[in-house]
Amino acid sequence: MGIDTVIAKSGVAKMSLYRSFRSKDELIAACLEERDKIYWQWFDKVVAEHPDDPREQLRAVIRGVAKRTSNPGYRGCFFLNTALDYQDAWHPGRKLAIRHKQTLASRLLKICRQLDANDPAALARQLILLINGAQATAGMLGKKTQMELVSAAEMLIHRKTRKQTSYAR
């Protein structure tokens, strides 16, 4: 999307936009910062609904991602899309996208460590792959495929933990 499209869709005058953001890259970074903030508010709320139950915290996050990615209006993860669009390591959007995914990995690892997992780090990495896969295929293979994230994560958690578990509710 070009800067003229951004200006047209936002209804902001070009001078006002450039007064707030010196470049398109700065605007991209600001948008990602806002998306990052919104995502972590959602994540923290979902996790907080299951205090002291890391298994349910993971389940809630996975169900939430599956639901979000199966929404007809979902157009993929802003962070994955930005990392693909801006491959230069110096680009502020790419840096923010990487930071977001690293934070997700770190937060999932923290939850996985609270489980009776054989290898919490491997479990967290594999959950990241499932989540990113669901985000990357959103809108391409249908809602049923998107919702398979839930059972795939369940099987993974079951195999990586000593305690048997089920998503069925």
N, C-alpha and C. Protein backbone atom coordinates (compact mmCIF):
# COMPACT_ATOMS: atom_id res chain seq x y z
N MET A 1 0.85 -1.17 0.00
CA MET A 1 0.00 0.00 0.00
C MET A 1 0.90 1.23 0.00
N GLY A 2 0.65 2.13 -0.92
CA GLY A 2 1.42 3.35 -1.00
C GLY A 2 0.95 4.39 0.01
N ILE A 3 1.78 5.40 0.22
CA ILE A 3 1.46 6.45 1.19
C ILE A 3 0.22 7.23 0.78
N ASP A 4 0.00 7.38 -0.54
CA ASP A 4 -1.20 8.09 -1.01
C ASP A 4 -2.47 7.31 -0.64
N THR A 5 -2.40 6.00 -0.70
CA THR A 5 -3.54 5.16 -0.29
C THR A 5 -3.79 5.31 1.20
N VAL A 6 -2.71 5.32 1.98
CA VAL A 6 -2.84 5.50 3.43
C VAL A 6 -3.50 6.83 3.73
N ILE A 7 -3.08 7.88 3.06
CA ILE A 7 -3.65 9.21 3.27
C ILE A 7 -5.12 9.22 2.88
N ALA A 8 -5.45 8.63 1.74
CA ALA A 8 -6.84 8.61 1.28
C ALA A 8 -7.74 7.84 2.25
N LYS A 9 -7.27 6.69 2.73
CA LYS A 9 -8.09 5.87 3.62
C LYS A 9 -8.20 6.46 5.02
N SER A 10 -7.16 7.17 5.45
CA SER A 10 -7.18 7.72 6.82
C SER A 10 -7.93 9.03 6.90
N GLY A 11 -8.03 9.74 5.77
CA GLY A 11 -8.70 11.04 5.79
C GLY A 11 -7.85 12.13 6.41
N VAL A 12 -6.58 11.85 6.61
CA VAL A 12 -5.66 12.82 7.20
C VAL A 12 -4.91 13.54 6.08
N ALA A 13 -4.69 14.82 6.28
CA ALA A 13 -3.94 15.58 5.28
C ALA A 13 -2.49 15.11 5.24
N LYS A 14 -1.90 15.18 4.07
CA LYS A 14 -0.53 14.71 3.89
C LYS A 14 0.43 15.40 4.87
N MET A 15 0.27 16.69 5.05
CA MET A 15 1.16 17.43 5.96
C MET A 15 0.99 16.95 7.40
N SER A 16 -0.25 16.67 7.80
CA SER A 16 -0.48 16.16 9.16
C SER A 16 0.18 14.81 9.36
N LEU A 17 0.08 13.98 8.36
CA LEU A 17 0.70 12.66 8.43
C LEU A 17 2.21 12.79 8.56
N TYR A 18 2.79 13.64 7.72
CA TYR A 18 4.25 13.80 7.75
C TYR A 18 4.73 14.55 9.00
N ARG A 19 3.86 15.30 9.62
CA ARG A 19 4.23 15.95 10.87
C ARG A 19 4.35 14.89 11.98
N SER A 20 3.51 13.87 11.91
CA SER A 20 3.53 12.82 12.92
C SER A 20 4.53 11.72 12.61
N PHE A 21 4.71 11.44 11.32
CA PHE A 21 5.59 10.35 10.90
C PHE A 21 6.49 10.87 9.78
N ARG A 22 7.78 10.82 10.00
CA ARG A 22 8.72 11.35 9.00
C ARG A 22 8.83 10.48 7.76
N SER A 23 8.39 9.22 7.88
CA SER A 23 8.51 8.32 6.72
C SER A 23 7.46 7.23 6.81
N LYS A 24 7.31 6.52 5.70
CA LYS A 24 6.41 5.37 5.67
C LYS A 24 6.88 4.32 6.67
N ASP A 25 8.19 4.15 6.79
CA ASP A 25 8.74 3.17 7.73
C ASP A 25 8.37 3.50 9.17
N GLU A 26 8.38 4.79 9.51
CA GLU A 26 7.97 5.21 10.85
C GLU A 26 6.49 4.92 11.08
N LEU A 27 5.68 5.13 10.07
CA LEU A 27 4.25 4.84 10.16
C LEU A 27 4.02 3.34 10.35
N ILE A 28 4.74 2.53 9.60
CA ILE A 28 4.64 1.08 9.74
C ILE A 28 4.99 0.66 11.17
N ALA A 29 6.08 1.22 11.68
CA ALA A 29 6.51 0.89 13.04
C ALA A 29 5.44 1.29 14.07
N ALA A 30 4.84 2.45 13.89
CA ALA A 30 3.80 2.90 14.82
C ALA A 30 2.58 1.98 14.77
N CYS A 31 2.21 1.56 13.56
CA CYS A 31 1.08 0.63 13.43
C CYS A 31 1.38 -0.69 14.11
N LEU A 32 2.59 -1.20 13.93
CA LEU A 32 2.96 -2.46 14.56
C LEU A 32 3.02 -2.33 16.08
N GLU A 33 3.50 -1.22 16.57
CA GLU A 33 3.53 -0.99 18.03
C GLU A 33 2.11 -1.06 18.59
N GLU A 34 1.18 -0.45 17.89
CA GLU A 34 -0.22 -0.48 18.35
C GLU A 34 -0.78 -1.89 18.29
N ARG A 35 -0.53 -2.60 17.20
CA ARG A 35 -0.99 -3.99 17.08
C ARG A 35 -0.38 -4.88 18.16
N ASP A 36 0.89 -4.64 18.45
CA ASP A 36 1.58 -5.40 19.49
C ASP A 36 0.90 -5.18 20.84
N LYS A 37 0.59 -3.94 21.14
CA LYS A 37 -0.08 -3.60 22.40
C LYS A 37 -1.44 -4.29 22.50
N ILE A 38 -2.21 -4.23 21.43
CA ILE A 38 -3.54 -4.86 21.40
C ILE A 38 -3.41 -6.38 21.56
N TYR A 39 -2.44 -6.98 20.89
CA TYR A 39 -2.26 -8.43 20.97
C TYR A 39 -1.94 -8.86 22.41
N TRP A 40 -1.03 -8.15 23.07
CA TRP A 40 -0.65 -8.55 24.42
C TRP A 40 -1.76 -8.30 25.43
N GLN A 41 -2.59 -7.31 25.18
CA GLN A 41 -3.77 -7.13 26.04
C GLN A 41 -4.68 -8.34 25.91
N TRP A 42 -4.91 -8.79 24.68
CA TRP A 42 -5.73 -9.98 24.44
C TRP A 42 -5.09 -11.20 25.09
N PHE A 43 -3.82 -11.42 24.84
CA PHE A 43 -3.11 -12.58 25.37
C PHE A 43 -3.17 -12.61 26.90
N ASP A 44 -2.87 -11.48 27.53
CA ASP A 44 -2.89 -11.41 29.00
C ASP A 44 -4.27 -11.68 29.56
N LYS A 45 -5.31 -11.19 28.88
CA LYS A 45 -6.68 -11.43 29.33
C LYS A 45 -7.02 -12.92 29.25
N VAL A 46 -6.67 -13.55 28.15
CA VAL A 46 -6.95 -14.98 27.95
C VAL A 46 -6.22 -15.82 29.01
N VAL A 47 -4.97 -15.52 29.24
CA VAL A 47 -4.17 -16.27 30.21
C VAL A 47 -4.70 -16.03 31.63
N ALA A 48 -5.07 -14.80 31.94
CA ALA A 48 -5.57 -14.47 33.28
C ALA A 48 -6.88 -15.17 33.63
N GLU A 49 -7.63 -15.60 32.62
CA GLU A 49 -8.88 -16.30 32.87
C GLU A 49 -8.66 -17.69 33.47
N HIS A 50 -7.41 -18.15 33.46
CA HIS A 50 -7.08 -19.49 33.98
C HIS A 50 -5.87 -19.42 34.91
N PRO A 51 -6.02 -18.69 36.01
CA PRO A 51 -4.88 -18.54 36.92
C PRO A 51 -4.44 -19.91 37.47
N ASP A 52 -3.16 -20.08 37.55
CA ASP A 52 -2.58 -21.30 38.13
C ASP A 52 -2.93 -22.57 37.36
N ASP A 53 -3.31 -22.45 36.10
CA ASP A 53 -3.61 -23.63 35.29
C ASP A 53 -2.96 -23.45 33.91
N PRO A 54 -1.66 -23.74 33.81
CA PRO A 54 -0.95 -23.49 32.56
C PRO A 54 -1.50 -24.28 31.37
N ARG A 55 -2.02 -25.46 31.61
CA ARG A 55 -2.59 -26.25 30.53
C ARG A 55 -3.80 -25.53 29.92
N GLU A 56 -4.67 -25.01 30.78
CA GLU A 56 -5.83 -24.26 30.30
C GLU A 56 -5.42 -22.93 29.68
N GLN A 57 -4.34 -22.33 30.17
CA GLN A 57 -3.84 -21.10 29.56
C GLN A 57 -3.42 -21.36 28.12
N LEU A 58 -2.67 -22.44 27.91
CA LEU A 58 -2.27 -22.80 26.54
C LEU A 58 -3.48 -23.09 25.68
N ARG A 59 -4.41 -23.85 26.21
CA ARG A 59 -5.62 -24.18 25.47
C ARG A 59 -6.37 -22.92 25.05
N ALA A 60 -6.51 -22.00 25.98
CA ALA A 60 -7.25 -20.77 25.70
C ALA A 60 -6.55 -19.94 24.62
N VAL A 61 -5.24 -19.85 24.68
CA VAL A 61 -4.49 -19.12 23.67
C VAL A 61 -4.67 -19.78 22.31
N ILE A 62 -4.51 -21.10 22.26
CA ILE A 62 -4.63 -21.83 20.99
C ILE A 62 -6.04 -21.70 20.42
N ARG A 63 -7.06 -21.87 21.27
CA ARG A 63 -8.44 -21.72 20.79
C ARG A 63 -8.68 -20.30 20.27
N GLY A 64 -8.12 -19.33 20.98
CA GLY A 64 -8.27 -17.94 20.54
C GLY A 64 -7.62 -17.67 19.20
N VAL A 65 -6.42 -18.21 19.00
CA VAL A 65 -5.74 -18.05 17.72
C VAL A 65 -6.53 -18.75 16.62
N ALA A 66 -7.01 -19.96 16.89
CA ALA A 66 -7.79 -20.68 15.89
C ALA A 66 -9.05 -19.88 15.51
N LYS A 67 -9.70 -19.34 16.50
CA LYS A 67 -10.92 -18.55 16.24
C LYS A 67 -10.60 -17.31 15.43
N ARG A 68 -9.53 -16.59 15.83
CA ARG A 68 -9.15 -15.37 15.13
C ARG A 68 -8.79 -15.65 13.68
N THR A 69 -8.00 -16.71 13.46
CA THR A 69 -7.53 -16.99 12.10
C THR A 69 -8.60 -17.59 11.20
N SER A 70 -9.69 -18.06 11.79
CA SER A 70 -10.79 -18.60 10.97
C SER A 70 -11.85 -17.55 10.67
N ASN A 71 -11.70 -16.37 11.21
CA ASN A 71 -12.61 -15.26 10.94
C ASN A 71 -12.46 -14.85 9.47
N PRO A 72 -13.56 -14.71 8.74
CA PRO A 72 -13.46 -14.36 7.31
C PRO A 72 -12.71 -13.05 7.04
N GLY A 73 -12.70 -12.14 7.97
CA GLY A 73 -12.01 -10.86 7.78
C GLY A 73 -10.53 -10.90 8.12
N TYR A 74 -10.05 -12.00 8.65
CA TYR A 74 -8.65 -12.10 9.04
C TYR A 74 -7.77 -12.19 7.80
N ARG A 75 -6.76 -11.37 7.73
CA ARG A 75 -5.88 -11.32 6.56
C ARG A 75 -4.43 -11.68 6.90
N GLY A 76 -4.25 -12.48 7.91
CA GLY A 76 -2.91 -12.91 8.27
C GLY A 76 -2.34 -12.08 9.40
N CYS A 77 -1.28 -12.59 9.94
CA CYS A 77 -0.60 -11.94 11.05
C CYS A 77 0.16 -10.70 10.55
N PHE A 78 -0.10 -9.57 11.17
CA PHE A 78 0.58 -8.33 10.78
C PHE A 78 2.10 -8.49 10.88
N PHE A 79 2.53 -9.23 11.89
CA PHE A 79 3.96 -9.36 12.14
C PHE A 79 4.62 -10.28 11.12
N LEU A 80 3.98 -11.40 10.81
CA LEU A 80 4.52 -12.28 9.77
C LEU A 80 4.51 -11.57 8.42
N ASN A 81 3.41 -10.90 8.10
CA ASN A 81 3.31 -10.19 6.83
C ASN A 81 4.38 -9.11 6.70
N THR A 82 4.61 -8.38 7.77
CA THR A 82 5.63 -7.32 7.74
C THR A 82 7.02 -7.92 7.57
N ALA A 83 7.30 -9.01 8.29
CA ALA A 83 8.63 -9.64 8.16
C ALA A 83 8.86 -10.14 6.74
N LEU A 84 7.80 -10.60 6.08
CA LEU A 84 7.93 -11.05 4.70
C LEU A 84 8.09 -9.88 3.73
N ASP A 85 7.38 -8.79 4.00
CA ASP A 85 7.43 -7.63 3.11
C ASP A 85 8.73 -6.84 3.24
N TYR A 86 9.30 -6.81 4.44
CA TYR A 86 10.50 -6.01 4.69
C TYR A 86 11.59 -6.92 5.23
N GLN A 87 12.43 -7.39 4.33
CA GLN A 87 13.42 -8.40 4.70
C GLN A 87 14.75 -7.82 5.17
N ASP A 88 14.95 -6.52 5.01
CA ASP A 88 16.18 -5.91 5.50
C ASP A 88 16.19 -5.89 7.02
N ALA A 89 17.26 -6.39 7.62
CA ALA A 89 17.34 -6.50 9.09
C ALA A 89 17.20 -5.14 9.78
N TRP A 90 17.57 -4.07 9.12
CA TRP A 90 17.52 -2.74 9.73
C TRP A 90 16.12 -2.14 9.75
N HIS A 91 15.20 -2.67 8.94
CA HIS A 91 13.88 -2.05 8.81
C HIS A 91 13.15 -2.09 10.16
N PRO A 92 12.63 -0.94 10.61
CA PRO A 92 11.97 -0.91 11.92
C PRO A 92 10.76 -1.85 12.02
N GLY A 93 10.04 -2.03 10.92
CA GLY A 93 8.90 -2.95 10.94
C GLY A 93 9.36 -4.38 11.14
N ARG A 94 10.41 -4.76 10.46
CA ARG A 94 10.95 -6.12 10.62
C ARG A 94 11.45 -6.34 12.04
N LYS A 95 12.15 -5.35 12.58
CA LYS A 95 12.65 -5.46 13.96
C LYS A 95 11.50 -5.66 14.95
N LEU A 96 10.42 -4.91 14.75
CA LEU A 96 9.26 -5.04 15.64
C LEU A 96 8.57 -6.38 15.45
N ALA A 97 8.49 -6.85 14.22
CA ALA A 97 7.87 -8.15 13.95
C ALA A 97 8.66 -9.27 14.63
N ILE A 98 9.96 -9.21 14.52
CA ILE A 98 10.81 -10.22 15.17
C ILE A 98 10.67 -10.14 16.68
N ARG A 99 10.67 -8.92 17.21
CA ARG A 99 10.51 -8.76 18.67
C ARG A 99 9.19 -9.35 19.15
N HIS A 100 8.12 -9.13 18.38
CA HIS A 100 6.80 -9.66 18.75
C HIS A 100 6.83 -11.18 18.80
N LYS A 101 7.38 -11.81 17.77
CA LYS A 101 7.44 -13.28 17.73
C LYS A 101 8.36 -13.82 18.82
N GLN A 102 9.44 -13.12 19.12
CA GLN A 102 10.32 -13.55 20.21
C GLN A 102 9.61 -13.45 21.55
N THR A 103 8.82 -12.42 21.72
CA THR A 103 8.05 -12.26 22.96
C THR A 103 7.01 -13.36 23.07
N LEU A 104 6.36 -13.69 21.97
CA LEU A 104 5.40 -14.79 21.98
C LEU A 104 6.08 -16.09 22.39
N ALA A 105 7.23 -16.35 21.80
CA ALA A 105 7.98 -17.57 22.15
C ALA A 105 8.34 -17.57 23.63
N SER A 106 8.76 -16.45 24.13
CA SER A 106 9.15 -16.34 25.54
C SER A 106 7.95 -16.55 26.48
N ARG A 107 6.82 -15.96 26.12
CA ARG A 107 5.63 -16.11 26.96
C ARG A 107 5.08 -17.54 26.92
N LEU A 108 5.12 -18.16 25.76
CA LEU A 108 4.70 -19.56 25.68
C LEU A 108 5.65 -20.46 26.47
N LEU A 109 6.94 -20.18 26.39
CA LEU A 109 7.92 -20.95 27.15
C LEU A 109 7.66 -20.84 28.65
N LYS A 110 7.34 -19.66 29.10
CA LYS A 110 7.05 -19.46 30.53
C LYS A 110 5.87 -20.34 30.96
N ILE A 111 4.84 -20.41 30.14
CA ILE A 111 3.69 -21.25 30.46
C ILE A 111 4.08 -22.73 30.38
N CYS A 112 4.82 -23.10 29.35
CA CYS A 112 5.23 -24.50 29.18
C CYS A 112 6.11 -24.98 30.33
N ARG A 113 6.89 -24.09 30.88
CA ARG A 113 7.73 -24.46 32.04
C ARG A 113 6.88 -24.79 33.27
N GLN A 114 5.69 -24.24 33.34
CA GLN A 114 4.80 -24.52 34.47
C GLN A 114 4.09 -25.86 34.33
N LEU A 115 4.11 -26.41 33.12
CA LEU A 115 3.53 -27.73 32.88
C LEU A 115 4.52 -28.80 33.32
N ASP A 116 4.06 -29.99 33.38
CA ASP A 116 4.95 -31.12 33.65
C ASP A 116 5.47 -31.63 32.31
N ALA A 117 6.13 -30.73 31.56
CA ALA A 117 6.58 -31.05 30.21
C ALA A 117 7.96 -31.70 30.22
N ASN A 118 8.15 -32.64 29.31
CA ASN A 118 9.44 -33.29 29.17
C ASN A 118 10.51 -32.30 28.71
N ASP A 119 10.14 -31.44 27.77
CA ASP A 119 11.06 -30.44 27.22
C ASP A 119 10.25 -29.17 26.93
N PRO A 120 10.12 -28.30 27.93
CA PRO A 120 9.28 -27.10 27.76
C PRO A 120 9.71 -26.22 26.59
N ALA A 121 11.01 -26.12 26.35
CA ALA A 121 11.49 -25.26 25.26
C ALA A 121 11.06 -25.82 23.91
N ALA A 122 11.17 -27.13 23.74
CA ALA A 122 10.74 -27.75 22.47
C ALA A 122 9.24 -27.59 22.29
N LEU A 123 8.48 -27.78 23.35
CA LEU A 123 7.03 -27.62 23.26
C LEU A 123 6.67 -26.19 22.85
N ALA A 124 7.30 -25.21 23.46
CA ALA A 124 7.02 -23.80 23.12
C ALA A 124 7.37 -23.52 21.65
N ARG A 125 8.53 -24.02 21.19
CA ARG A 125 8.92 -23.80 19.79
C ARG A 125 7.92 -24.45 18.83
N GLN A 126 7.45 -25.63 19.18
CA GLN A 126 6.51 -26.33 18.31
C GLN A 126 5.14 -25.65 18.30
N LEU A 127 4.73 -25.13 19.43
CA LEU A 127 3.47 -24.37 19.47
C LEU A 127 3.58 -23.11 18.61
N ILE A 128 4.74 -22.46 18.64
CA ILE A 128 4.97 -21.28 17.79
C ILE A 128 4.81 -21.66 16.32
N LEU A 129 5.38 -22.79 15.94
CA LEU A 129 5.25 -23.23 14.55
C LEU A 129 3.80 -23.48 14.17
N LEU A 130 3.03 -24.09 15.07
CA LEU A 130 1.61 -24.32 14.79
C LEU A 130 0.86 -22.99 14.66
N ILE A 131 1.11 -22.08 15.58
CA ILE A 131 0.43 -20.77 15.55
C ILE A 131 0.79 -20.02 14.27
N ASN A 132 2.09 -19.96 13.95
CA ASN A 132 2.50 -19.24 12.74
C ASN A 132 1.93 -19.90 11.50
N GLY A 133 1.86 -21.23 11.49
CA GLY A 133 1.27 -21.93 10.35
C GLY A 133 -0.20 -21.59 10.18
N ALA A 134 -0.92 -21.55 11.29
CA ALA A 134 -2.34 -21.17 11.23
C ALA A 134 -2.50 -19.74 10.74
N GLN A 135 -1.64 -18.86 11.20
CA GLN A 135 -1.71 -17.47 10.77
C GLN A 135 -1.37 -17.32 9.29
N ALA A 136 -0.40 -18.10 8.83
CA ALA A 136 0.04 -17.99 7.44
C ALA A 136 -0.98 -18.57 6.45
N THR A 137 -1.74 -19.58 6.87
CA THR A 137 -2.69 -20.22 5.96
C THR A 137 -4.11 -19.67 6.09
N ALA A 138 -4.30 -18.74 6.98
CA ALA A 138 -5.64 -18.18 7.21
C ALA A 138 -6.26 -17.71 5.90
N GLY A 139 -7.51 -18.08 5.71
CA GLY A 139 -8.25 -17.64 4.53
C GLY A 139 -8.00 -18.48 3.29
N MET A 140 -7.07 -19.42 3.35
CA MET A 140 -6.74 -20.20 2.16
C MET A 140 -7.38 -21.58 2.15
N LEU A 141 -7.50 -22.20 3.30
CA LEU A 141 -7.92 -23.60 3.35
C LEU A 141 -9.24 -23.82 4.08
N GLY A 142 -9.87 -22.77 4.51
CA GLY A 142 -11.18 -22.88 5.13
C GLY A 142 -11.14 -22.97 6.65
N LYS A 143 -12.29 -22.68 7.24
CA LYS A 143 -12.41 -22.63 8.69
C LYS A 143 -12.09 -23.98 9.34
N LYS A 144 -12.54 -25.06 8.72
CA LYS A 144 -12.30 -26.38 9.30
C LYS A 144 -10.80 -26.63 9.46
N THR A 145 -10.03 -26.27 8.45
CA THR A 145 -8.58 -26.44 8.53
C THR A 145 -8.00 -25.55 9.62
N GLN A 146 -8.45 -24.32 9.70
CA GLN A 146 -7.95 -23.41 10.73
C GLN A 146 -8.21 -23.96 12.13
N MET A 147 -9.37 -24.53 12.33
CA MET A 147 -9.72 -25.04 13.65
C MET A 147 -8.94 -26.32 14.00
N GLU A 148 -8.29 -26.94 13.02
CA GLU A 148 -7.43 -28.11 13.30
C GLU A 148 -6.26 -27.72 14.18
N LEU A 149 -5.96 -26.44 14.27
CA LEU A 149 -4.91 -25.97 15.17
C LEU A 149 -5.16 -26.47 16.58
N VAL A 150 -6.41 -26.48 16.99
CA VAL A 150 -6.76 -26.89 18.35
C VAL A 150 -6.37 -28.34 18.60
N SER A 151 -6.78 -29.25 17.73
CA SER A 151 -6.46 -30.66 17.95
C SER A 151 -4.98 -30.94 17.74
N ALA A 152 -4.34 -30.23 16.82
CA ALA A 152 -2.89 -30.42 16.61
C ALA A 152 -2.12 -30.00 17.86
N ALA A 153 -2.51 -28.89 18.45
CA ALA A 153 -1.85 -28.43 19.68
C ALA A 153 -2.12 -29.41 20.82
N GLU A 154 -3.33 -29.91 20.88
CA GLU A 154 -3.68 -30.88 21.94
C GLU A 154 -2.81 -32.12 21.84
N MET A 155 -2.66 -32.65 20.64
CA MET A 155 -1.82 -33.84 20.46
C MET A 155 -0.37 -33.54 20.85
N LEU A 156 0.11 -32.38 20.48
CA LEU A 156 1.47 -31.99 20.80
C LEU A 156 1.66 -31.87 22.32
N ILE A 157 0.75 -31.19 22.97
CA ILE A 157 0.84 -31.03 24.43
C ILE A 157 0.76 -32.39 25.10
N HIS A 158 -0.11 -33.23 24.62
CA HIS A 158 -0.26 -34.57 25.19
C HIS A 158 1.06 -35.35 25.08
N ARG A 159 1.70 -35.28 23.93
CA ARG A 159 2.94 -36.03 23.71
C ARG A 159 4.10 -35.45 24.49
N LYS A 160 4.07 -34.16 24.75
CA LYS A 160 5.21 -33.49 25.40
C LYS A 160 5.07 -33.38 26.91
N THR A 161 3.90 -33.77 27.42
CA THR A 161 3.69 -33.71 28.87
C THR A 161 3.37 -35.09 29.40
N ARG A 162 3.61 -35.26 30.65
CA ARG A 162 3.35 -36.55 31.28
C ARG A 162 1.86 -36.75 31.57
N LYS A 163 1.17 -35.65 31.82
CA LYS A 163 -0.26 -35.72 32.17
C LYS A 163 -1.09 -35.73 30.89
N GLN A 164 -2.02 -36.66 30.80
CA GLN A 164 -2.89 -36.71 29.64
C GLN A 164 -3.90 -35.58 29.70
N THR A 165 -4.31 -35.12 28.54
CA THR A 165 -5.17 -33.96 28.47
C THR A 165 -6.11 -34.06 27.27
N SER A 166 -7.15 -33.28 27.28
CA SER A 166 -8.07 -33.27 26.15
C SER A 166 -8.68 -31.89 26.00
N TYR A 167 -8.84 -31.44 24.75
CA TYR A 167 -9.49 -30.17 24.49
C TYR A 167 -11.01 -30.30 24.55
N ALA A 168 -11.50 -31.49 24.51
CA ALA A 168 -12.95 -31.70 24.47
C ALA A 168 -13.62 -31.04 25.67
N ARG A 169 -14.63 -30.28 25.39
CA ARG A 169 -15.40 -29.61 26.45
C ARG A 169 -16.84 -29.56 26.04
